[in-house]
Amino acid sequence: MGSLPIFGTYLYSLLPMTETQILNYALNQFAGIDADAFELSSSYWQRKTYGKGEFYNEYKNVCKYLGFIIDGVFRTYYIDDVSAEEKNVFFFSKNQVVVAYKSFVTQTPCSYYTESMTESTVLYIHVNHLNELYAKSHHWERFGRLVAETAFNLAMNRAEEFMFRTPEQRYLELIQNHPDIFNNVPLYHIASYLGIQAPSLSRIRKRMVGK
């Protein structure tokens, strides 16, 4: 998967729910965070809206926040030193985490930019507050371990996509993980993520529709 939906699957069938209820449910599904453990964190979560093109985290900045996307889509990209082109690495969308994993886990400068592709709403928590929770609760300690494991799995899976999967397979996984991606992200960004040119993406889409 291009970006692992680490807080579980899409929750459309569970709506209407408040944003806090959605977060609570997602944390429970991901790491078994029960009501008491979630209450420990309730005062730490903050809400922020992002405009299209606004950065969640930037190159060389240390990522200090882990966010849960209530609505919207983010992309993570780097700028190629030779071509100066933007290369998309990950997408993060509704009911998923948005975070620069390596930078967040290691608290070192980030190698990427993470940008909102739409008007987006995020509930986020500061790394210092998470560290407090790790010390207070085994539930949250487990959460931290799972986040670190996810960071590793995400990087390995992304590398293996290009070694072992065809562009069509990468396309299908993208749709599975981000069903609304084509409604929110320009085709050239999606093509960049898949490692192909826009005309090739158009051909793949036509073939998939024909099946």
C-alpha atoms as a PDB file:
ATOM      1  CA  MET A   1       0.000   0.000   0.000  1.00  0.00           C
ATOM      2  CA  GLY A   2       1.228   3.451  -0.830  1.00  0.00           C
ATOM      3  CA  SER A   3       0.168   4.870   2.493  1.00  0.00           C
ATOM      4  CA  LEU A   4      -1.013   2.464   5.108  1.00  0.00           C
ATOM      5  CA  PRO A   5      -4.368   3.475   6.627  1.00  0.00           C
ATOM      6  CA  ILE A   6      -2.978   2.950  10.110  1.00  0.00           C
ATOM      7  CA  PHE A   7      -6.133   4.082  11.869  1.00  0.00           C
ATOM      8  CA  GLY A   8      -8.238   1.474  10.147  1.00  0.00           C
ATOM      9  CA  THR A   9     -10.631   1.695   7.262  1.00  0.00           C
ATOM     10  CA  TYR A  10     -13.023   4.359   6.102  1.00  0.00           C
ATOM     11  CA  LEU A  11     -15.783   5.083   8.584  1.00  0.00           C
ATOM     12  CA  TYR A  12     -18.555   6.347   6.323  1.00  0.00           C
ATOM     13  CA  SER A  13     -20.999   3.721   7.589  1.00  0.00           C
ATOM     14  CA  LEU A  14     -20.513   4.912  11.160  1.00  0.00           C
ATOM     15  CA  LEU A  15     -21.477   8.506  10.522  1.00  0.00           C
ATOM     16  CA  PRO A  16     -22.926  10.676  11.889  1.00  0.00           C
ATOM     17  CA  MET A  17     -20.358  10.799  14.647  1.00  0.00           C
ATOM     18  CA  THR A  18     -18.604  13.729  16.253  1.00  0.00           C
ATOM     19  CA  GLU A  19     -14.986  14.295  15.305  1.00  0.00           C
ATOM     20  CA  THR A  20     -13.880  13.172  18.756  1.00  0.00           C
ATOM     21  CA  GLN A  21     -15.936   9.984  18.486  1.00  0.00           C
ATOM     22  CA  ILE A  22     -14.402   9.201  15.111  1.00  0.00           C
ATOM     23  CA  LEU A  23     -10.906   9.700  16.550  1.00  0.00           C
ATOM     24  CA  ASN A  24     -11.734   7.602  19.607  1.00  0.00           C
ATOM     25  CA  TYR A  25     -13.026   4.777  17.428  1.00  0.00           C
ATOM     26  CA  ALA A  26     -10.008   4.919  15.121  1.00  0.00           C
ATOM     27  CA  LEU A  27      -7.523   4.828  18.004  1.00  0.00           C
ATOM     28  CA  ASN A  28      -9.322   1.846  19.482  1.00  0.00           C
ATOM     29  CA  GLN A  29      -9.243  -0.017  16.182  1.00  0.00           C
ATOM     30  CA  PHE A  30      -5.578   0.737  15.600  1.00  0.00           C
ATOM     31  CA  ALA A  31      -4.075   0.224  19.054  1.00  0.00           C
ATOM     32  CA  GLY A  32      -6.805  -0.845  21.450  1.00  0.00           C
ATOM     33  CA  ILE A  33      -7.025   2.586  23.067  1.00  0.00           C
ATOM     34  CA  ASP A  34     -10.015   2.180  25.383  1.00  0.00           C
ATOM     35  CA  ALA A  35     -12.253   4.905  26.789  1.00  0.00           C
ATOM     36  CA  ASP A  36     -10.120   5.463  29.905  1.00  0.00           C
ATOM     37  CA  ALA A  37      -6.884   5.678  27.915  1.00  0.00           C
ATOM     38  CA  PHE A  38      -8.479   8.021  25.404  1.00  0.00           C
ATOM     39  CA  GLU A  39      -9.670  10.279  28.216  1.00  0.00           C
ATOM     40  CA  LEU A  40      -6.028  10.716  29.261  1.00  0.00           C
ATOM     41  CA  SER A  41      -5.382  12.298  25.865  1.00  0.00           C
ATOM     42  CA  SER A  42      -8.584  14.257  25.408  1.00  0.00           C
ATOM     43  CA  SER A  43      -7.169  17.639  26.435  1.00  0.00           C
ATOM     44  CA  TYR A  44      -4.122  17.226  24.177  1.00  0.00           C
ATOM     45  CA  TRP A  45      -5.847  16.935  20.807  1.00  0.00           C
ATOM     46  CA  GLN A  46      -6.181  20.178  18.884  1.00  0.00           C
ATOM     47  CA  ARG A  47      -8.180  20.952  15.751  1.00  0.00           C
ATOM     48  CA  LYS A  48      -6.788  22.759  12.739  1.00  0.00           C
ATOM     49  CA  THR A  49      -8.060  23.519   9.268  1.00  0.00           C
ATOM     50  CA  TYR A  50      -5.668  23.724   6.330  1.00  0.00           C
ATOM     51  CA  GLY A  51      -6.199  25.633   3.134  1.00  0.00           C
ATOM     52  CA  LYS A  52      -5.334  24.083  -0.207  1.00  0.00           C
ATOM     53  CA  GLY A  53      -1.562  24.343  -0.665  1.00  0.00           C
ATOM     54  CA  GLU A  54      -0.832  24.875   3.027  1.00  0.00           C
ATOM     55  CA  PHE A  55       1.970  22.776   4.513  1.00  0.00           C
ATOM     56  CA  TYR A  56       1.526  20.331   7.349  1.00  0.00           C
ATOM     57  CA  ASN A  57       5.313  19.969   7.571  1.00  0.00           C
ATOM     58  CA  GLU A  58       8.179  21.267   5.435  1.00  0.00           C
ATOM     59  CA  TYR A  59      11.599  20.123   4.294  1.00  0.00           C
ATOM     60  CA  LYS A  60      14.273  20.365   7.009  1.00  0.00           C
ATOM     61  CA  ASN A  61      11.674  21.036   9.707  1.00  0.00           C
ATOM     62  CA  VAL A  62      11.244  18.543  12.540  1.00  0.00           C
ATOM     63  CA  CYS A  63       7.738  17.065  12.513  1.00  0.00           C
ATOM     64  CA  LYS A  64       6.356  17.554  16.026  1.00  0.00           C
ATOM     65  CA  TYR A  65       2.708  16.669  15.436  1.00  0.00           C
ATOM     66  CA  LEU A  66       0.825  13.511  14.607  1.00  0.00           C
ATOM     67  CA  GLY A  67      -2.480  14.311  12.920  1.00  0.00           C
ATOM     68  CA  PHE A  68      -5.692  12.430  12.255  1.00  0.00           C
ATOM     69  CA  ILE A  69      -7.478  13.570   9.094  1.00  0.00           C
ATOM     70  CA  ILE A  70     -11.144  14.322   9.588  1.00  0.00           C
ATOM     71  CA  ASP A  71     -11.483  15.479   6.004  1.00  0.00           C
ATOM     72  CA  GLY A  72      -9.150  16.258   3.134  1.00  0.00           C
ATOM     73  CA  VAL A  73      -6.089  14.884   1.326  1.00  0.00           C
ATOM     74  CA  PHE A  74      -2.368  15.501   1.872  1.00  0.00           C
ATOM     75  CA  ARG A  75       0.601  14.583  -0.268  1.00  0.00           C
ATOM     76  CA  THR A  76       4.202  14.057   0.784  1.00  0.00           C
ATOM     77  CA  TYR A  77       6.819  14.914  -1.832  1.00  0.00           C
ATOM     78  CA  TYR A  78      10.455  15.810  -2.362  1.00  0.00           C
ATOM     79  CA  ILE A  79      12.171  17.896  -5.019  1.00  0.00           C
ATOM     80  CA  ASP A  80      14.557  15.990  -7.265  1.00  0.00           C
ATOM     81  CA  ASP A  81      18.059  17.499  -7.135  1.00  0.00           C
ATOM     82  CA  VAL A  82      18.705  16.895 -10.837  1.00  0.00           C
ATOM     83  CA  SER A  83      15.398  17.641 -12.544  1.00  0.00           C
ATOM     84  CA  ALA A  84      13.978  19.997  -9.884  1.00  0.00           C
ATOM     85  CA  GLU A  85      10.689  18.119 -10.291  1.00  0.00           C
ATOM     86  CA  GLU A  86       8.367  17.370  -7.400  1.00  0.00           C
ATOM     87  CA  LYS A  87       8.200  13.626  -6.747  1.00  0.00           C
ATOM     88  CA  ASN A  88       5.172  12.414  -4.804  1.00  0.00           C
ATOM     89  CA  VAL A  89       5.913   9.725  -2.223  1.00  0.00           C
ATOM     90  CA  PHE A  90       2.783   9.308  -0.090  1.00  0.00           C
ATOM     91  CA  PHE A  91      -0.841  10.336   0.069  1.00  0.00           C
ATOM     92  CA  PHE A  92      -2.828  10.615   3.305  1.00  0.00           C
ATOM     93  CA  SER A  93      -6.597  10.980   3.260  1.00  0.00           C
ATOM     94  CA  LYS A  94      -9.775  10.864   5.346  1.00  0.00           C
ATOM     95  CA  ASN A  95      -9.616   8.775   8.546  1.00  0.00           C
ATOM     96  CA  GLN A  96      -5.871   8.260   8.178  1.00  0.00           C
ATOM     97  CA  VAL A  97      -2.869   9.652   9.987  1.00  0.00           C
ATOM     98  CA  VAL A  98      -0.854  12.467   8.468  1.00  0.00           C
ATOM     99  CA  VAL A  99       2.702  12.676   9.782  1.00  0.00           C
ATOM    100  CA  ALA A 100       6.291  12.688   8.536  1.00  0.00           C
ATOM    101  CA  TYR A 101       6.956   9.324  10.168  1.00  0.00           C
ATOM    102  CA  LYS A 102      10.744   9.204  10.304  1.00  0.00           C
ATOM    103  CA  SER A 103      11.065  12.821  11.395  1.00  0.00           C
ATOM    104  CA  PHE A 104       8.348  12.385  14.012  1.00  0.00           C
ATOM    105  CA  VAL A 105       9.669   9.117  15.456  1.00  0.00           C
ATOM    106  CA  THR A 106      13.321  10.230  15.533  1.00  0.00           C
ATOM    107  CA  GLN A 107      12.711  13.977  16.022  1.00  0.00           C
ATOM    108  CA  THR A 108      15.151  14.817  13.250  1.00  0.00           C
ATOM    109  CA  PRO A 109      14.740  17.196  10.282  1.00  0.00           C
ATOM    110  CA  CYS A 110      12.359  15.986   7.598  1.00  0.00           C
ATOM    111  CA  SER A 111      13.460  15.114   4.056  1.00  0.00           C
ATOM    112  CA  TYR A 112      10.058  15.905   2.561  1.00  0.00           C
ATOM    113  CA  TYR A 113       7.251  18.401   2.272  1.00  0.00           C
ATOM    114  CA  THR A 114       3.716  17.441   3.336  1.00  0.00           C
ATOM    115  CA  GLU A 115       1.085  19.649   1.715  1.00  0.00           C
ATOM    116  CA  SER A 116      -2.691  19.817   1.873  1.00  0.00           C
ATOM    117  CA  MET A 117      -4.219  19.158  -1.547  1.00  0.00           C
ATOM    118  CA  THR A 118      -7.692  20.323  -0.491  1.00  0.00           C
ATOM    119  CA  GLU A 119      -9.400  22.227   2.267  1.00  0.00           C
ATOM    120  CA  SER A 120      -8.619  19.850   5.148  1.00  0.00           C
ATOM    121  CA  THR A 121      -9.438  19.366   8.805  1.00  0.00           C
ATOM    122  CA  VAL A 122      -7.048  17.609  11.187  1.00  0.00           C
ATOM    123  CA  LEU A 123      -7.032  16.671  14.866  1.00  0.00           C
ATOM    124  CA  TYR A 124      -3.400  16.678  15.996  1.00  0.00           C
ATOM    125  CA  ILE A 125      -1.308  15.915  19.054  1.00  0.00           C
ATOM    126  CA  HIS A 126       2.189  17.151  19.981  1.00  0.00           C
ATOM    127  CA  VAL A 127       5.016  14.644  20.357  1.00  0.00           C
ATOM    128  CA  ASN A 128       5.696  15.853  23.914  1.00  0.00           C
ATOM    129  CA  HIS A 129       2.138  15.033  24.920  1.00  0.00           C
ATOM    130  CA  LEU A 130       2.430  11.604  23.332  1.00  0.00           C
ATOM    131  CA  ASN A 131       5.597  10.971  25.312  1.00  0.00           C
ATOM    132  CA  GLU A 132       3.703  11.858  28.474  1.00  0.00           C
ATOM    133  CA  LEU A 133       0.988   9.388  27.523  1.00  0.00           C
ATOM    134  CA  TYR A 134       3.552   6.640  26.824  1.00  0.00           C
ATOM    135  CA  ALA A 135       4.777   6.998  30.403  1.00  0.00           C
ATOM    136  CA  LYS A 136       1.262   6.934  31.862  1.00  0.00           C
ATOM    137  CA  SER A 137      -0.401   4.098  29.976  1.00  0.00           C
ATOM    138  CA  HIS A 138       0.520   0.751  28.443  1.00  0.00           C
ATOM    139  CA  HIS A 139      -2.209   1.364  25.880  1.00  0.00           C
ATOM    140  CA  TRP A 140      -0.429   4.485  24.688  1.00  0.00           C
ATOM    141  CA  GLU A 141       2.963   2.815  24.919  1.00  0.00           C
ATOM    142  CA  ARG A 142       1.628   0.188  22.519  1.00  0.00           C
ATOM    143  CA  PHE A 143       0.328   2.957  20.285  1.00  0.00           C
ATOM    144  CA  GLY A 144       3.832   4.444  20.072  1.00  0.00           C
ATOM    145  CA  ARG A 145       5.318   1.080  19.154  1.00  0.00           C
ATOM    146  CA  LEU A 146       2.718   0.566  16.442  1.00  0.00           C
ATOM    147  CA  VAL A 147       3.378   4.011  14.984  1.00  0.00           C
ATOM    148  CA  ALA A 148       7.108   3.188  14.770  1.00  0.00           C
ATOM    149  CA  GLU A 149       6.342  -0.179  13.158  1.00  0.00           C
ATOM    150  CA  THR A 150       4.024   1.507  10.693  1.00  0.00           C
ATOM    151  CA  ALA A 151       6.732   3.977   9.712  1.00  0.00           C
ATOM    152  CA  PHE A 152       9.032   1.060   8.884  1.00  0.00           C
ATOM    153  CA  ASN A 153       6.329  -0.874   7.039  1.00  0.00           C
ATOM    154  CA  LEU A 154       5.297   2.184   5.067  1.00  0.00           C
ATOM    155  CA  ALA A 155       8.836   2.791   3.819  1.00  0.00           C
ATOM    156  CA  MET A 156       9.420  -0.874   2.972  1.00  0.00           C
ATOM    157  CA  ASN A 157       6.091  -1.239   1.224  1.00  0.00           C
ATOM    158  CA  ARG A 158       6.695   1.859  -0.866  1.00  0.00           C
ATOM    159  CA  ALA A 159      10.078   0.532  -1.998  1.00  0.00           C
ATOM    160  CA  GLU A 160       8.660  -2.907  -2.780  1.00  0.00           C
ATOM    161  CA  GLU A 161       5.868  -1.401  -4.852  1.00  0.00           C
ATOM    162  CA  PHE A 162       8.407  -0.405  -7.487  1.00  0.00           C
ATOM    163  CA  MET A 163      10.383  -3.626  -7.266  1.00  0.00           C
ATOM    164  CA  PHE A 164       7.578  -6.161  -7.372  1.00  0.00           C
ATOM    165  CA  ARG A 165       4.346  -4.533  -8.577  1.00  0.00           C
ATOM    166  CA  THR A 166       3.220  -3.330 -11.967  1.00  0.00           C
ATOM    167  CA  PRO A 167       1.863   0.180 -12.479  1.00  0.00           C
ATOM    168  CA  GLU A 168      -1.627  -1.338 -12.712  1.00  0.00           C
ATOM    169  CA  GLN A 169      -1.188  -3.025  -9.340  1.00  0.00           C
ATOM    170  CA  ARG A 170       0.083   0.205  -7.787  1.00  0.00           C
ATOM    171  CA  TYR A 171      -2.925   1.992  -9.270  1.00  0.00           C
ATOM    172  CA  LEU A 172      -5.401  -0.511  -7.787  1.00  0.00           C
ATOM    173  CA  GLU A 173      -3.781  -0.281  -4.345  1.00  0.00           C
ATOM    174  CA  LEU A 174      -3.953   3.499  -4.513  1.00  0.00           C
ATOM    175  CA  ILE A 175      -7.685   3.364  -5.245  1.00  0.00           C
ATOM    176  CA  GLN A 176      -8.209   0.873  -2.428  1.00  0.00           C
ATOM    177  CA  ASN A 177      -6.440   3.095   0.101  1.00  0.00           C
ATOM    178  CA  HIS A 178      -7.781   6.420  -1.200  1.00  0.00           C
ATOM    179  CA  PRO A 179     -11.155   5.894  -2.915  1.00  0.00           C
ATOM    180  CA  ASP A 180     -11.743   9.614  -3.548  1.00  0.00           C
ATOM    181  CA  ILE A 181      -8.232  10.417  -4.749  1.00  0.00           C
ATOM    182  CA  PHE A 182      -9.253  11.252  -8.324  1.00  0.00           C
ATOM    183  CA  ASN A 183     -11.855  13.720  -7.057  1.00  0.00           C
ATOM    184  CA  ASN A 184      -9.287  15.667  -5.062  1.00  0.00           C
ATOM    185  CA  VAL A 185      -5.851  15.355  -6.666  1.00  0.00           C
ATOM    186  CA  PRO A 186      -4.748  16.350 -10.207  1.00  0.00           C
ATOM    187  CA  LEU A 187      -3.804  13.464 -12.489  1.00  0.00           C
ATOM    188  CA  TYR A 188      -0.189  14.596 -12.842  1.00  0.00           C
ATOM    189  CA  HIS A 189       0.307  14.274  -9.074  1.00  0.00           C
ATOM    190  CA  ILE A 190      -1.172  10.778  -9.112  1.00  0.00           C
ATOM    191  CA  ALA A 191       1.022   9.813 -12.074  1.00  0.00           C
ATOM    192  CA  SER A 192       4.083  11.077 -10.191  1.00  0.00           C
ATOM    193  CA  TYR A 193       3.149   8.953  -7.180  1.00  0.00           C
ATOM    194  CA  LEU A 194       2.747   5.872  -9.400  1.00  0.00           C
ATOM    195  CA  GLY A 195       6.074   6.534 -11.121  1.00  0.00           C
ATOM    196  CA  ILE A 196       4.555   6.895 -14.595  1.00  0.00           C
ATOM    197  CA  GLN A 197       3.659   9.636 -17.058  1.00  0.00           C
ATOM    198  CA  ALA A 198       0.151  11.130 -17.227  1.00  0.00           C
ATOM    199  CA  PRO A 199      -0.677   9.482 -20.618  1.00  0.00           C
ATOM    200  CA  SER A 200       0.197   6.069 -19.153  1.00  0.00           C
ATOM    201  CA  LEU A 201      -2.106   6.745 -16.221  1.00  0.00           C
ATOM    202  CA  SER A 202      -4.935   7.607 -18.602  1.00  0.00           C
ATOM    203  CA  ARG A 203      -4.423   4.330 -20.450  1.00  0.00           C
ATOM    204  CA  ILE A 204      -4.440   2.358 -17.196  1.00  0.00           C
ATOM    205  CA  ARG A 205      -7.670   4.016 -16.118  1.00  0.00           C
ATOM    206  CA  LYS A 206      -9.319   3.177 -19.435  1.00  0.00           C
ATOM    207  CA  ARG A 207      -8.212  -0.452 -19.172  1.00  0.00           C
ATOM    208  CA  MET A 208      -9.506  -0.717 -15.612  1.00  0.00           C
ATOM    209  CA  VAL A 209     -12.889   0.720 -16.601  1.00  0.00           C
ATOM    210  CA  GLY A 210     -13.086  -1.782 -19.442  1.00  0.00           C
ATOM    211  CA  LYS A 211     -12.610  -4.778 -17.159  1.00  0.00           C
END
